[in-house]
Each structure stands twice: as structure tokens, then as C-alpha cells.
Amino acid sequence: MYTFTANFANVVLRLFGRTKVINKDKLPEEGQGYVVACSHIGWVDVVALGTAMLPKHIHFMAKKELFDTPKTAKFFNSINAFPVDRANPGPSSIKTPVKLIKDGKIVGIFPSGTRTSEDVPLKRGAATIANLAKCPIIPAAFSGPTDLKGLLSGKKITVIFGDPIYLKTSDGAKKDVVDVTKELSDVMAALQEEIKPNKGSKK
């Protein structure tokens, strides 16, 4: 179901949104689990990130309310989403993604929520999960429409990936989660600046 849905979404985005993916070669090799952390301003960026990483599959953290009915739960489970209680996060909020990564899967996180434009500091979730799973974080940023109206208007979609962020320094010392969170925040902000619409012609 994931492959079908992602490929269908890819056709739709490319038809209406003129999708462009930058630095896809920075993604780790197949079979290695990791976290990909992307900026988030609406539902379109979730779809765009998933299609940008094809043929790789992403397991997305999604708010538990999306799983309230059997039909929606079945659908979101089929596209590799798993529920997280954002208001009262429990142990499973960490255990599930860590296990997925250790099994060689990719976990997608939108650490800034839907308030990127308000410059809210990134949550520590991405760094905490990567630290426990002993894996890198791939920073990413999205530029484009936030809703169906913007998508149908033909607004350009861009997804950019940055260099992997590792939880250890070059000499093997373990980084502090707070420092990794700050590094991730800075890199994502730089990527977002790089793909601002008025800079798109330089790419």
C-alpha cells in the first residue's frame, strides 16, 4: 500500500507542484536506519518528503487522533505511520521509532510541528531518538504549498537534504542531546533559507 500511495502522490505532486529534490545523494545507503527531520508547515510537506525519498520508505510519527476510527487507523498503518500522543507522550513514543531504526527502517519526524514560521525551537525528540538508536539524523527542509489550493495553483515544491548529523564527534566523543538539537535547528534553518522561493532560480 505504501509504494502504491507514494507513487500515486508523486505523480500528483509532479503534475501540479513541479517538484524538485536537492541533495538526495546525502541519504545513507539502503538498509541503514536513521532519522530524517524535516520542516513542517502543512500536510503537503509530509507527502512531498515521502515521495522525495522514493524508493525508500519512511515510517512517520503521527498524532494519535488520526487513528481514532478503524478505517483511518487501517489506512495510516498501511502507509507506515504510527500513533504518538503529543499531549502525553509515553515510553512508546520513543521505543517504537528506536526499534524501527534498529531494524534498518527510516523514521520521519517533523520536530518543529506546524509552527516553523514562528521560529519555535526544535523539540529534542529527534536527537533523543537518534541517540538511543545510535543513528544519524538527516536534516531536510521543504518549500511549497501548504494546502490543496496552493498545490493546484502550481506552486513549486522543493525538498532539500543536508549532510548527516552524527551523535559523536570526529574523535569519538558523544555529543550532548541539547547540542545536537541546536545543531539540527541551525542546519534546518540554513536549508530553509537556501530554498526560499526567491532563491530558487539559483539552483
N, C-alpha and C. Protein backbone atom coordinates (compact mmCIF):
# COMPACT_ATOMS: atom_id res chain seq x y z
N MET A 1 0.83 -1.21 0.00
CA MET A 1 0.00 0.00 0.00
C MET A 1 0.86 1.27 0.00
N TYR A 2 1.98 1.22 0.74
CA TYR A 2 2.85 2.40 0.84
C TYR A 2 3.38 2.76 -0.54
N THR A 3 3.91 1.77 -1.27
CA THR A 3 4.52 2.03 -2.58
C THR A 3 3.49 2.61 -3.55
N PHE A 4 2.31 2.01 -3.57
CA PHE A 4 1.26 2.50 -4.47
C PHE A 4 0.87 3.93 -4.12
N THR A 5 0.62 4.19 -2.83
CA THR A 5 0.20 5.52 -2.39
C THR A 5 1.27 6.56 -2.68
N ALA A 6 2.53 6.21 -2.37
CA ALA A 6 3.62 7.16 -2.56
C ALA A 6 3.85 7.47 -4.04
N ASN A 7 3.78 6.45 -4.88
CA ASN A 7 3.98 6.67 -6.32
C ASN A 7 2.83 7.47 -6.92
N PHE A 8 1.61 7.22 -6.45
CA PHE A 8 0.47 7.99 -6.93
C PHE A 8 0.62 9.45 -6.51
N ALA A 9 1.00 9.65 -5.24
CA ALA A 9 1.20 11.02 -4.74
C ALA A 9 2.32 11.71 -5.51
N ASN A 10 3.34 10.96 -5.87
CA ASN A 10 4.46 11.52 -6.61
C ASN A 10 4.01 12.07 -7.96
N VAL A 11 3.13 11.31 -8.63
CA VAL A 11 2.60 11.74 -9.93
C VAL A 11 1.79 13.02 -9.76
N VAL A 12 0.95 13.06 -8.72
CA VAL A 12 0.10 14.23 -8.47
C VAL A 12 0.95 15.47 -8.17
N LEU A 13 1.96 15.31 -7.30
CA LEU A 13 2.79 16.45 -6.94
C LEU A 13 3.58 16.97 -8.13
N ARG A 14 4.10 16.07 -8.94
CA ARG A 14 4.87 16.50 -10.09
C ARG A 14 3.98 17.13 -11.16
N LEU A 15 2.75 16.68 -11.22
CA LEU A 15 1.82 17.22 -12.21
C LEU A 15 1.41 18.64 -11.86
N PHE A 16 1.14 18.86 -10.56
CA PHE A 16 0.65 20.18 -10.13
C PHE A 16 1.73 21.05 -9.48
N GLY A 17 2.69 20.43 -8.82
CA GLY A 17 3.60 21.21 -8.00
C GLY A 17 5.00 21.42 -8.52
N ARG A 18 5.34 20.83 -9.66
CA ARG A 18 6.69 20.99 -10.21
C ARG A 18 7.75 20.69 -9.14
N THR A 19 7.76 19.46 -8.69
CA THR A 19 8.63 19.05 -7.59
C THR A 19 10.11 19.01 -7.96
N LYS A 20 10.95 19.50 -7.05
CA LYS A 20 12.40 19.43 -7.22
C LYS A 20 13.02 18.90 -5.93
N VAL A 21 13.91 17.92 -6.06
CA VAL A 21 14.59 17.33 -4.91
C VAL A 21 16.08 17.64 -5.03
N ILE A 22 16.65 18.20 -3.95
CA ILE A 22 18.06 18.60 -3.96
C ILE A 22 18.85 17.78 -2.92
N ASN A 23 20.02 17.34 -3.31
CA ASN A 23 20.96 16.63 -2.42
C ASN A 23 20.45 15.27 -1.96
N LYS A 24 19.73 14.56 -2.80
CA LYS A 24 19.24 13.24 -2.42
C LYS A 24 20.41 12.27 -2.20
N ASP A 25 21.54 12.56 -2.80
CA ASP A 25 22.72 11.70 -2.65
C ASP A 25 23.27 11.73 -1.22
N LYS A 26 22.79 12.62 -0.38
CA LYS A 26 23.25 12.69 1.01
C LYS A 26 22.57 11.65 1.90
N LEU A 27 21.54 10.99 1.38
CA LEU A 27 20.84 9.97 2.17
C LEU A 27 21.74 8.75 2.35
N PRO A 28 21.75 8.16 3.55
CA PRO A 28 22.57 6.96 3.80
C PRO A 28 22.18 5.80 2.88
N GLU A 29 23.05 4.80 2.83
CA GLU A 29 22.82 3.65 1.97
C GLU A 29 21.61 2.85 2.41
N GLU A 30 21.09 2.09 1.47
CA GLU A 30 19.93 1.24 1.75
C GLU A 30 20.24 0.26 2.87
N GLY A 31 19.28 0.07 3.75
CA GLY A 31 19.47 -0.89 4.84
C GLY A 31 19.92 -0.27 6.14
N GLN A 32 20.35 0.98 6.11
CA GLN A 32 20.76 1.67 7.34
C GLN A 32 19.60 2.47 7.89
N GLY A 33 19.29 2.26 9.16
CA GLY A 33 18.23 3.01 9.79
C GLY A 33 18.69 4.39 10.22
N TYR A 34 17.82 5.37 10.14
CA TYR A 34 18.17 6.72 10.58
C TYR A 34 16.91 7.56 10.74
N VAL A 35 17.10 8.75 11.29
CA VAL A 35 16.03 9.73 11.44
C VAL A 35 16.15 10.76 10.33
N VAL A 36 15.04 11.11 9.70
CA VAL A 36 15.04 12.24 8.79
C VAL A 36 14.11 13.28 9.41
N ALA A 37 14.65 14.47 9.66
CA ALA A 37 13.90 15.54 10.33
C ALA A 37 13.67 16.67 9.34
N CYS A 38 12.41 16.98 9.10
CA CYS A 38 12.07 17.97 8.08
C CYS A 38 11.21 19.10 8.64
N SER A 39 11.34 20.27 8.05
CA SER A 39 10.49 21.40 8.43
C SER A 39 9.05 21.07 8.07
N HIS A 40 8.11 21.73 8.74
CA HIS A 40 6.70 21.34 8.61
C HIS A 40 5.79 22.56 8.67
N ILE A 41 5.04 22.80 7.58
CA ILE A 41 4.11 23.92 7.57
C ILE A 41 2.70 23.51 7.17
N GLY A 42 2.51 22.25 6.81
CA GLY A 42 1.19 21.77 6.39
C GLY A 42 1.29 20.32 5.96
N TRP A 43 0.19 19.75 5.49
CA TRP A 43 0.21 18.33 5.13
C TRP A 43 0.98 18.04 3.84
N VAL A 44 1.12 19.02 2.96
CA VAL A 44 1.79 18.78 1.68
C VAL A 44 3.25 18.38 1.89
N ASP A 45 3.92 18.97 2.89
CA ASP A 45 5.34 18.64 3.09
C ASP A 45 5.54 17.20 3.54
N VAL A 46 4.57 16.64 4.24
CA VAL A 46 4.66 15.23 4.64
C VAL A 46 4.66 14.34 3.41
N VAL A 47 3.74 14.63 2.50
CA VAL A 47 3.64 13.86 1.25
C VAL A 47 4.89 14.08 0.39
N ALA A 48 5.33 15.34 0.32
CA ALA A 48 6.48 15.67 -0.51
C ALA A 48 7.75 14.97 -0.02
N LEU A 49 7.94 14.90 1.29
CA LEU A 49 9.12 14.23 1.84
C LEU A 49 9.07 12.74 1.50
N GLY A 50 7.89 12.13 1.65
CA GLY A 50 7.76 10.71 1.35
C GLY A 50 8.07 10.41 -0.11
N THR A 51 7.57 11.24 -1.01
CA THR A 51 7.83 11.00 -2.44
C THR A 51 9.27 11.33 -2.81
N ALA A 52 9.86 12.32 -2.14
CA ALA A 52 11.24 12.72 -2.44
C ALA A 52 12.23 11.60 -2.11
N MET A 53 11.86 10.74 -1.17
CA MET A 53 12.78 9.69 -0.73
C MET A 53 12.54 8.35 -1.41
N LEU A 54 11.56 8.28 -2.31
CA LEU A 54 11.33 7.04 -3.04
C LEU A 54 12.59 6.60 -3.78
N PRO A 55 12.91 5.30 -3.84
CA PRO A 55 12.08 4.17 -3.42
C PRO A 55 12.19 3.81 -1.92
N LYS A 56 12.91 4.64 -1.16
CA LYS A 56 12.99 4.38 0.28
C LYS A 56 11.64 4.65 0.94
N HIS A 57 11.32 3.87 1.94
CA HIS A 57 10.08 4.05 2.69
C HIS A 57 10.37 4.74 4.02
N ILE A 58 9.44 5.59 4.44
CA ILE A 58 9.57 6.29 5.72
C ILE A 58 8.46 5.83 6.66
N HIS A 59 8.80 5.70 7.93
CA HIS A 59 7.81 5.44 8.97
C HIS A 59 7.59 6.75 9.70
N PHE A 60 6.38 7.30 9.58
CA PHE A 60 6.08 8.61 10.13
C PHE A 60 5.46 8.55 11.52
N MET A 61 5.90 9.46 12.39
CA MET A 61 5.21 9.66 13.65
C MET A 61 3.99 10.53 13.35
N ALA A 62 2.80 10.10 13.79
CA ALA A 62 1.58 10.85 13.51
C ALA A 62 0.75 10.99 14.78
N LYS A 63 0.02 12.08 14.89
CA LYS A 63 -0.78 12.30 16.09
C LYS A 63 -1.83 11.21 16.23
N LYS A 64 -2.06 10.77 17.44
CA LYS A 64 -2.91 9.61 17.71
C LYS A 64 -4.36 9.83 17.27
N GLU A 65 -4.78 11.09 17.17
CA GLU A 65 -6.15 11.37 16.75
C GLU A 65 -6.46 10.84 15.35
N LEU A 66 -5.42 10.69 14.53
CA LEU A 66 -5.62 10.18 13.18
C LEU A 66 -5.98 8.70 13.17
N PHE A 67 -5.81 8.05 14.31
CA PHE A 67 -6.07 6.60 14.42
C PHE A 67 -7.35 6.32 15.21
N ASP A 68 -8.19 7.31 15.39
CA ASP A 68 -9.37 7.18 16.24
C ASP A 68 -10.43 6.23 15.69
N THR A 69 -10.53 6.10 14.37
CA THR A 69 -11.52 5.19 13.79
C THR A 69 -10.80 4.02 13.11
N PRO A 70 -11.45 2.87 13.04
CA PRO A 70 -10.82 1.69 12.42
C PRO A 70 -10.36 1.93 10.98
N LYS A 71 -11.17 2.69 10.21
CA LYS A 71 -10.83 2.92 8.80
C LYS A 71 -9.58 3.80 8.67
N THR A 72 -9.55 4.90 9.42
CA THR A 72 -8.38 5.78 9.31
C THR A 72 -7.14 5.11 9.90
N ALA A 73 -7.34 4.34 10.97
CA ALA A 73 -6.21 3.63 11.57
C ALA A 73 -5.62 2.63 10.59
N LYS A 74 -6.49 1.92 9.89
CA LYS A 74 -6.04 0.95 8.90
C LYS A 74 -5.25 1.62 7.79
N PHE A 75 -5.76 2.78 7.33
CA PHE A 75 -5.08 3.49 6.25
C PHE A 75 -3.71 3.98 6.69
N PHE A 76 -3.64 4.66 7.84
CA PHE A 76 -2.36 5.21 8.28
C PHE A 76 -1.35 4.11 8.63
N ASN A 77 -1.84 3.01 9.16
CA ASN A 77 -0.93 1.89 9.41
C ASN A 77 -0.37 1.34 8.10
N SER A 78 -1.20 1.35 7.06
CA SER A 78 -0.78 0.81 5.77
C SER A 78 0.28 1.66 5.08
N ILE A 79 0.36 2.94 5.48
CA ILE A 79 1.37 3.81 4.87
C ILE A 79 2.51 4.10 5.86
N ASN A 80 2.68 3.16 6.78
CA ASN A 80 3.83 3.19 7.70
C ASN A 80 3.80 4.33 8.72
N ALA A 81 2.62 4.76 9.10
CA ALA A 81 2.52 5.77 10.16
C ALA A 81 2.21 5.06 11.48
N PHE A 82 2.70 5.63 12.57
CA PHE A 82 2.40 5.07 13.89
C PHE A 82 2.00 6.20 14.83
N PRO A 83 1.04 5.92 15.74
CA PRO A 83 0.46 6.98 16.58
C PRO A 83 1.36 7.44 17.72
N VAL A 84 1.31 8.73 17.99
CA VAL A 84 2.04 9.33 19.11
C VAL A 84 1.09 10.31 19.82
N ASP A 85 1.03 10.20 21.13
CA ASP A 85 0.22 11.12 21.93
C ASP A 85 1.08 12.35 22.24
N ARG A 86 0.86 13.42 21.51
CA ARG A 86 1.70 14.60 21.67
C ARG A 86 1.47 15.30 23.00
N ALA A 87 0.25 15.23 23.49
CA ALA A 87 -0.07 15.89 24.76
C ALA A 87 0.52 15.14 25.95
N ASN A 88 0.50 13.81 25.88
CA ASN A 88 1.02 12.98 26.98
C ASN A 88 1.89 11.87 26.41
N PRO A 89 3.06 12.21 25.88
CA PRO A 89 3.93 11.19 25.27
C PRO A 89 4.39 10.16 26.29
N GLY A 90 4.20 8.89 25.94
CA GLY A 90 4.62 7.80 26.82
C GLY A 90 5.87 7.14 26.30
N PRO A 91 6.30 6.04 26.95
CA PRO A 91 7.52 5.33 26.54
C PRO A 91 7.48 4.86 25.08
N SER A 92 6.26 4.50 24.59
CA SER A 92 6.16 4.01 23.21
C SER A 92 6.52 5.08 22.19
N SER A 93 6.40 6.36 22.59
CA SER A 93 6.75 7.45 21.69
C SER A 93 8.22 7.40 21.31
N ILE A 94 9.03 6.80 22.17
CA ILE A 94 10.45 6.66 21.92
C ILE A 94 10.79 5.23 21.50
N LYS A 95 10.19 4.25 22.17
CA LYS A 95 10.53 2.85 21.92
C LYS A 95 10.21 2.41 20.50
N THR A 96 9.05 2.83 20.00
CA THR A 96 8.65 2.40 18.65
C THR A 96 9.61 2.89 17.58
N PRO A 97 9.92 4.19 17.51
CA PRO A 97 10.86 4.64 16.47
C PRO A 97 12.27 4.08 16.66
N VAL A 98 12.71 3.92 17.89
CA VAL A 98 14.05 3.37 18.12
C VAL A 98 14.14 1.94 17.59
N LYS A 99 13.10 1.15 17.85
CA LYS A 99 13.09 -0.23 17.35
C LYS A 99 13.08 -0.27 15.83
N LEU A 100 12.28 0.62 15.22
CA LEU A 100 12.23 0.67 13.76
C LEU A 100 13.60 0.98 13.17
N ILE A 101 14.28 1.94 13.76
CA ILE A 101 15.60 2.33 13.25
C ILE A 101 16.61 1.20 13.42
N LYS A 102 16.57 0.54 14.56
CA LYS A 102 17.49 -0.58 14.79
C LYS A 102 17.23 -1.74 13.82
N ASP A 103 15.99 -1.78 13.31
CA ASP A 103 15.63 -2.79 12.31
C ASP A 103 15.96 -2.33 10.89
N GLY A 104 16.65 -1.19 10.79
CA GLY A 104 17.06 -0.69 9.48
C GLY A 104 16.05 0.19 8.78
N LYS A 105 15.03 0.66 9.50
CA LYS A 105 13.99 1.49 8.91
C LYS A 105 14.33 2.98 9.05
N ILE A 106 13.63 3.80 8.29
CA ILE A 106 13.78 5.25 8.34
C ILE A 106 12.58 5.84 9.07
N VAL A 107 12.84 6.69 10.04
CA VAL A 107 11.76 7.33 10.80
C VAL A 107 11.73 8.81 10.47
N GLY A 108 10.57 9.27 10.02
CA GLY A 108 10.40 10.68 9.68
C GLY A 108 9.80 11.47 10.82
N ILE A 109 10.43 12.57 11.17
CA ILE A 109 9.98 13.42 12.27
C ILE A 109 9.91 14.87 11.79
N PHE A 110 8.88 15.57 12.23
CA PHE A 110 8.75 17.00 11.94
C PHE A 110 8.89 17.71 13.28
N PRO A 111 10.12 17.91 13.74
CA PRO A 111 10.37 18.38 15.11
C PRO A 111 9.89 19.77 15.44
N SER A 112 9.61 20.60 14.44
CA SER A 112 9.15 21.95 14.73
C SER A 112 7.64 22.07 14.67
N GLY A 113 6.95 20.94 14.51
CA GLY A 113 5.50 20.98 14.42
C GLY A 113 5.06 21.77 13.21
N THR A 114 3.93 22.46 13.31
CA THR A 114 3.44 23.25 12.18
C THR A 114 3.70 24.74 12.39
N ARG A 115 4.66 25.06 13.26
CA ARG A 115 4.88 26.47 13.60
C ARG A 115 6.27 26.95 13.19
N THR A 116 6.80 26.38 12.11
CA THR A 116 8.13 26.73 11.65
C THR A 116 8.30 28.24 11.46
N SER A 117 7.28 28.89 10.89
CA SER A 117 7.38 30.33 10.59
C SER A 117 7.50 31.17 11.85
N GLU A 118 7.15 30.61 13.00
CA GLU A 118 7.22 31.36 14.24
C GLU A 118 8.56 31.15 14.97
N ASP A 119 9.47 30.42 14.31
CA ASP A 119 10.82 30.23 14.84
C ASP A 119 10.80 29.58 16.22
N VAL A 120 9.94 28.57 16.37
CA VAL A 120 9.89 27.83 17.63
C VAL A 120 11.07 26.88 17.70
N PRO A 121 11.80 26.84 18.85
CA PRO A 121 12.94 25.93 18.98
C PRO A 121 12.53 24.49 18.74
N LEU A 122 13.40 23.74 18.10
CA LEU A 122 13.12 22.34 17.81
C LEU A 122 13.00 21.54 19.10
N LYS A 123 12.09 20.60 19.09
CA LYS A 123 11.97 19.71 20.23
C LYS A 123 13.16 18.76 20.23
N ARG A 124 13.41 18.14 21.36
CA ARG A 124 14.56 17.24 21.47
C ARG A 124 14.28 15.83 20.99
N GLY A 125 13.05 15.58 20.54
CA GLY A 125 12.66 14.22 20.15
C GLY A 125 13.57 13.58 19.13
N ALA A 126 13.90 14.30 18.07
CA ALA A 126 14.72 13.74 17.00
C ALA A 126 16.10 13.33 17.52
N ALA A 127 16.71 14.22 18.30
CA ALA A 127 18.04 13.93 18.84
C ALA A 127 17.99 12.80 19.87
N THR A 128 16.94 12.78 20.69
CA THR A 128 16.80 11.73 21.71
C THR A 128 16.65 10.37 21.05
N ILE A 129 15.81 10.28 20.03
CA ILE A 129 15.61 9.02 19.33
C ILE A 129 16.88 8.57 18.63
N ALA A 130 17.55 9.49 17.96
CA ALA A 130 18.79 9.16 17.26
C ALA A 130 19.86 8.71 18.25
N ASN A 131 19.90 9.34 19.41
CA ASN A 131 20.88 8.99 20.43
C ASN A 131 20.66 7.55 20.93
N LEU A 132 19.40 7.20 21.19
CA LEU A 132 19.09 5.86 21.69
C LEU A 132 19.27 4.80 20.61
N ALA A 133 18.97 5.17 19.37
CA ALA A 133 19.09 4.22 18.26
C ALA A 133 20.50 4.17 17.68
N LYS A 134 21.36 5.11 18.15
CA LYS A 134 22.75 5.19 17.66
C LYS A 134 22.79 5.31 16.13
N CYS A 135 22.07 6.32 15.66
CA CYS A 135 21.98 6.52 14.22
C CYS A 135 22.13 8.00 13.89
N PRO A 136 22.39 8.32 12.63
CA PRO A 136 22.49 9.74 12.23
C PRO A 136 21.13 10.36 12.02
N ILE A 137 21.11 11.69 12.00
CA ILE A 137 19.91 12.44 11.66
C ILE A 137 20.16 13.12 10.31
N ILE A 138 19.22 12.96 9.40
CA ILE A 138 19.32 13.65 8.11
C ILE A 138 18.40 14.87 8.16
N PRO A 139 18.97 16.07 8.16
CA PRO A 139 18.12 17.28 8.18
C PRO A 139 17.53 17.52 6.79
N ALA A 140 16.33 18.04 6.76
CA ALA A 140 15.67 18.34 5.48
C ALA A 140 14.80 19.57 5.64
N ALA A 141 14.47 20.18 4.53
CA ALA A 141 13.60 21.35 4.55
C ALA A 141 12.68 21.31 3.33
N PHE A 142 11.53 21.92 3.50
CA PHE A 142 10.51 21.94 2.45
C PHE A 142 10.11 23.38 2.12
N SER A 143 9.87 23.61 0.86
CA SER A 143 9.33 24.89 0.42
C SER A 143 8.23 24.61 -0.60
N GLY A 144 7.07 25.22 -0.41
CA GLY A 144 6.00 24.96 -1.35
C GLY A 144 4.64 25.24 -0.75
N PRO A 145 3.60 24.71 -1.36
CA PRO A 145 2.23 24.97 -0.89
C PRO A 145 1.94 24.30 0.45
N THR A 146 1.00 24.83 1.17
CA THR A 146 0.63 24.28 2.47
C THR A 146 -0.71 23.53 2.43
N ASP A 147 -1.45 23.70 1.33
CA ASP A 147 -2.77 23.08 1.25
C ASP A 147 -3.11 22.74 -0.20
N LEU A 148 -4.28 22.16 -0.39
CA LEU A 148 -4.70 21.72 -1.73
C LEU A 148 -4.80 22.88 -2.70
N LYS A 149 -5.31 24.02 -2.23
CA LYS A 149 -5.45 25.18 -3.10
C LYS A 149 -4.09 25.62 -3.65
N GLY A 150 -3.10 25.67 -2.75
CA GLY A 150 -1.76 26.06 -3.18
C GLY A 150 -1.16 25.05 -4.14
N LEU A 151 -1.44 23.76 -3.88
CA LEU A 151 -0.93 22.70 -4.75
C LEU A 151 -1.51 22.80 -6.14
N LEU A 152 -2.82 22.99 -6.23
CA LEU A 152 -3.49 23.06 -7.53
C LEU A 152 -3.12 24.33 -8.30
N SER A 153 -2.63 25.34 -7.60
CA SER A 153 -2.23 26.58 -8.28
C SER A 153 -0.89 26.44 -8.99
N GLY A 154 -0.21 25.31 -8.76
CA GLY A 154 1.06 25.07 -9.44
C GLY A 154 2.27 25.62 -8.72
N LYS A 155 2.12 25.93 -7.43
CA LYS A 155 3.24 26.46 -6.66
C LYS A 155 4.37 25.43 -6.59
N LYS A 156 5.58 25.87 -6.83
CA LYS A 156 6.72 24.97 -6.88
C LYS A 156 6.98 24.30 -5.54
N ILE A 157 7.31 23.02 -5.58
CA ILE A 157 7.65 22.24 -4.40
C ILE A 157 9.14 21.90 -4.43
N THR A 158 9.83 22.19 -3.35
CA THR A 158 11.25 21.85 -3.25
C THR A 158 11.51 21.15 -1.93
N VAL A 159 12.24 20.04 -2.00
CA VAL A 159 12.70 19.33 -0.81
C VAL A 159 14.21 19.26 -0.90
N ILE A 160 14.89 19.67 0.17
CA ILE A 160 16.35 19.65 0.19
C ILE A 160 16.85 18.87 1.40
N PHE A 161 17.90 18.08 1.19
CA PHE A 161 18.51 17.31 2.28
C PHE A 161 19.88 17.89 2.62
N GLY A 162 20.24 17.80 3.89
CA GLY A 162 21.55 18.27 4.33
C GLY A 162 22.46 17.12 4.69
N ASP A 163 23.68 17.43 5.07
CA ASP A 163 24.64 16.40 5.48
C ASP A 163 24.16 15.71 6.76
N PRO A 164 24.43 14.41 6.88
CA PRO A 164 24.04 13.69 8.10
C PRO A 164 24.64 14.32 9.35
N ILE A 165 23.86 14.38 10.40
CA ILE A 165 24.34 14.85 11.70
C ILE A 165 24.56 13.63 12.58
N TYR A 166 25.77 13.45 13.05
CA TYR A 166 26.10 12.28 13.85
C TYR A 166 26.11 12.63 15.33
N LEU A 167 25.90 11.61 16.14
CA LEU A 167 25.80 11.80 17.59
C LEU A 167 27.15 11.73 18.27
N LYS A 168 28.21 11.55 17.47
CA LYS A 168 29.56 11.54 18.02
C LYS A 168 30.45 12.49 17.22
N THR A 169 31.43 13.05 17.87
CA THR A 169 32.38 13.93 17.19
C THR A 169 33.38 13.08 16.41
N SER A 170 34.22 13.74 15.63
CA SER A 170 35.20 13.02 14.82
C SER A 170 36.18 12.20 15.64
N ASP A 171 36.39 12.61 16.91
CA ASP A 171 37.31 11.86 17.76
C ASP A 171 36.59 10.81 18.62
N GLY A 172 35.29 10.59 18.34
CA GLY A 172 34.55 9.54 19.03
C GLY A 172 33.82 9.96 20.28
N ALA A 173 33.93 11.21 20.67
CA ALA A 173 33.24 11.68 21.88
C ALA A 173 31.74 11.84 21.61
N LYS A 174 30.95 11.46 22.59
CA LYS A 174 29.50 11.53 22.44
C LYS A 174 29.01 12.97 22.62
N LYS A 175 28.15 13.42 21.70
CA LYS A 175 27.60 14.76 21.78
C LYS A 175 26.42 14.81 22.75
N ASP A 176 26.21 15.94 23.36
CA ASP A 176 25.06 16.13 24.23
C ASP A 176 23.81 16.32 23.37
N VAL A 177 22.68 15.76 23.82
CA VAL A 177 21.43 15.85 23.06
C VAL A 177 21.03 17.31 22.82
N VAL A 178 21.27 18.16 23.80
CA VAL A 178 20.95 19.58 23.65
C VAL A 178 21.77 20.20 22.53
N ASP A 179 23.05 19.84 22.47
CA ASP A 179 23.93 20.38 21.42
C ASP A 179 23.51 19.87 20.04
N VAL A 180 23.12 18.59 19.98
CA VAL A 180 22.67 18.03 18.70
C VAL A 180 21.39 18.71 18.24
N THR A 181 20.49 18.98 19.18
CA THR A 181 19.25 19.67 18.86
C THR A 181 19.53 21.06 18.31
N LYS A 182 20.47 21.76 18.91
CA LYS A 182 20.84 23.09 18.43
C LYS A 182 21.47 23.00 17.04
N GLU A 183 22.33 22.01 16.84
CA GLU A 183 22.96 21.82 15.53
C GLU A 183 21.90 21.54 14.46
N LEU A 184 20.95 20.67 14.80
CA LEU A 184 19.88 20.33 13.87
C LEU A 184 19.04 21.57 13.54
N SER A 185 18.72 22.34 14.55
CA SER A 185 17.95 23.57 14.35
C SER A 185 18.66 24.52 13.41
N ASP A 186 19.95 24.70 13.62
CA ASP A 186 20.72 25.63 12.79
C ASP A 186 20.81 25.15 11.34
N VAL A 187 21.05 23.86 11.17
CA VAL A 187 21.18 23.30 9.82
C VAL A 187 19.86 23.39 9.06
N MET A 188 18.75 23.05 9.76
CA MET A 188 17.45 23.11 9.10
C MET A 188 17.09 24.55 8.71
N ALA A 189 17.46 25.50 9.57
CA ALA A 189 17.20 26.91 9.26
C ALA A 189 18.00 27.34 8.02
N ALA A 190 19.24 26.86 7.93
CA ALA A 190 20.08 27.20 6.78
C ALA A 190 19.53 26.58 5.50
N LEU A 191 19.05 25.35 5.59
CA LEU A 191 18.46 24.69 4.43
C LEU A 191 17.20 25.41 3.99
N GLN A 192 16.40 25.83 4.96
CA GLN A 192 15.17 26.56 4.65
C GLN A 192 15.48 27.87 3.93
N GLU A 193 16.52 28.53 4.38
CA GLU A 193 16.94 29.79 3.76
C GLU A 193 17.42 29.54 2.33
N GLU A 194 18.10 28.42 2.14
CA GLU A 194 18.66 28.10 0.83
C GLU A 194 17.60 27.88 -0.24
N ILE A 195 16.43 27.39 0.17
CA ILE A 195 15.40 27.10 -0.82
C ILE A 195 14.23 28.09 -0.77
N LYS A 196 14.49 29.24 -0.23
CA LYS A 196 13.44 30.27 -0.27
C LYS A 196 13.03 30.49 -1.72
N PRO A 197 11.74 30.71 -1.98
CA PRO A 197 11.26 30.86 -3.35
C PRO A 197 12.05 31.86 -4.19
N ASN A 198 12.47 32.98 -3.59
CA ASN A 198 13.20 34.00 -4.35
C ASN A 198 14.64 33.61 -4.64
N LYS A 199 15.05 32.43 -4.10
CA LYS A 199 16.40 31.96 -4.39
C LYS A 199 16.38 30.75 -5.30
N GLY A 200 15.18 30.30 -5.65
CA GLY A 200 15.05 29.08 -6.43
C GLY A 200 15.75 29.13 -7.77
N SER A 201 15.84 30.31 -8.38
CA SER A 201 16.46 30.44 -9.70
C SER A 201 17.95 30.18 -9.67
N LYS A 202 18.55 30.20 -8.46
CA LYS A 202 19.98 29.98 -8.37
C LYS A 202 20.31 28.50 -8.36
N LYS A 203 19.31 27.64 -8.19
CA LYS A 203 19.55 26.21 -8.11
C LYS A 203 19.53 25.58 -9.48
